[in-house]
Protein backbone atom coordinates (compact mmCIF):
# COMPACT_ATOMS: atom_id res chain seq x y z
CA UNK A 1 93.29 172.89 71.98
CA UNK A 2 91.30 170.60 74.28
CA UNK A 3 91.95 170.54 78.00
CA UNK A 4 93.40 167.21 79.15
CA UNK A 5 91.02 165.07 81.15
CA UNK A 6 91.93 163.56 84.50
CA UNK A 7 92.08 160.15 82.81
CA UNK A 8 94.41 161.35 80.04
CA UNK A 9 96.64 163.13 82.58
CA UNK A 10 96.87 159.95 84.64
CA UNK A 11 97.77 157.91 81.56
CA UNK A 12 100.40 160.40 80.43
CA UNK A 13 102.03 160.56 83.88
CA UNK A 14 101.92 156.78 84.19
CA UNK A 15 103.68 156.34 80.84
CA UNK A 16 106.25 158.99 81.71
CA UNK A 17 107.11 157.18 84.94
CA UNK A 18 107.01 153.77 83.24
CA UNK A 19 109.60 154.97 80.71
CA UNK A 20 111.78 156.38 83.51
CA UNK A 21 111.65 153.13 85.49
CA UNK A 22 112.38 151.18 82.32
CA UNK A 23 115.39 153.38 81.59
CA UNK A 24 116.86 153.38 85.12
CA UNK A 25 115.55 150.21 86.77
CA UNK A 26 114.78 152.13 89.94
CA UNK A 27 111.61 152.09 92.04
CA UNK A 28 109.27 155.06 92.13
CA UNK A 29 109.86 157.46 94.99
CA UNK A 30 107.19 158.70 97.39
CA UNK A 31 106.56 161.92 95.44
CA UNK A 32 106.07 160.04 92.17
CA UNK A 33 103.67 157.57 93.78
CA UNK A 34 101.77 160.44 95.36
CA UNK A 35 101.45 162.20 91.98
CA UNK A 36 99.86 159.05 90.51
CA UNK A 37 97.62 158.69 93.54
CA UNK A 38 96.43 162.30 93.22
CA UNK A 39 95.75 161.93 89.50
CA UNK A 40 93.84 158.71 90.15
CA UNK A 41 91.79 160.47 92.80
CA UNK A 42 90.95 163.30 90.39
CA UNK A 43 89.94 160.79 87.73
CA UNK A 44 87.74 158.97 90.25
CA UNK A 45 86.12 162.25 91.26
CA UNK A 46 85.44 162.87 87.56
CA UNK A 47 83.44 159.64 87.50
CA UNK A 48 85.96 157.04 86.35
CA UNK A 49 85.81 153.75 88.24
CA UNK A 50 88.83 151.86 89.52
CA UNK A 51 88.47 149.15 86.88
CA UNK A 52 88.50 151.77 84.13
CA UNK A 53 91.57 153.52 85.61
CA UNK A 54 93.52 150.27 85.92
CA UNK A 55 92.52 149.12 82.44
CA UNK A 56 93.51 152.49 80.99
CA UNK A 57 96.99 152.42 82.55
CA UNK A 58 97.66 148.75 81.83
CA UNK A 59 96.48 149.15 78.23
CA UNK A 60 98.70 152.18 77.75
CA UNK A 61 101.64 150.27 79.22
CA UNK A 62 101.02 147.30 76.94
CA UNK A 63 100.90 149.53 73.86
CA UNK A 64 104.04 151.40 74.91
CA UNK A 65 106.00 148.26 75.91
CA UNK A 66 108.02 147.79 72.67
CA UNK A 67 109.16 151.43 72.70
CA UNK A 68 110.16 151.62 76.38
CA UNK A 69 113.88 152.42 76.71
CA UNK A 70 114.68 149.32 78.77
CA UNK A 71 112.84 147.07 76.31
CA UNK A 72 114.03 148.66 73.07
CA UNK A 73 117.61 148.71 74.34
CA UNK A 74 117.63 145.11 75.59
CA UNK A 75 120.00 142.99 73.59
CA UNK A 76 118.71 139.66 74.87
CA UNK A 77 115.86 138.01 76.69
CA UNK A 78 117.86 138.36 79.91
CA UNK A 79 118.11 142.07 79.22
CA UNK A 80 114.33 142.34 79.30
CA UNK A 81 114.11 141.09 82.89
CA UNK A 82 115.00 144.43 84.53
CA UNK A 83 112.51 146.27 82.28
CA UNK A 84 109.75 143.86 83.31
């Protein structure tokens, strides 16, 4: 089994937190933000530029959007607002 790269770890953690926020509607806490910050720093140290990191996370979020709990469970357009 391949070792996860810093970029793949960042993407996985980002999607995990995105799903949690979608489900609960809450903001990220300091520890969660710090975990993303640390993963981003590791990815940068591995040679990934900021543009690549942002594009990776935003692309992953876009692909995951229809399956996010807050989106999939929304019964109306108004129900999507909190997930957004």
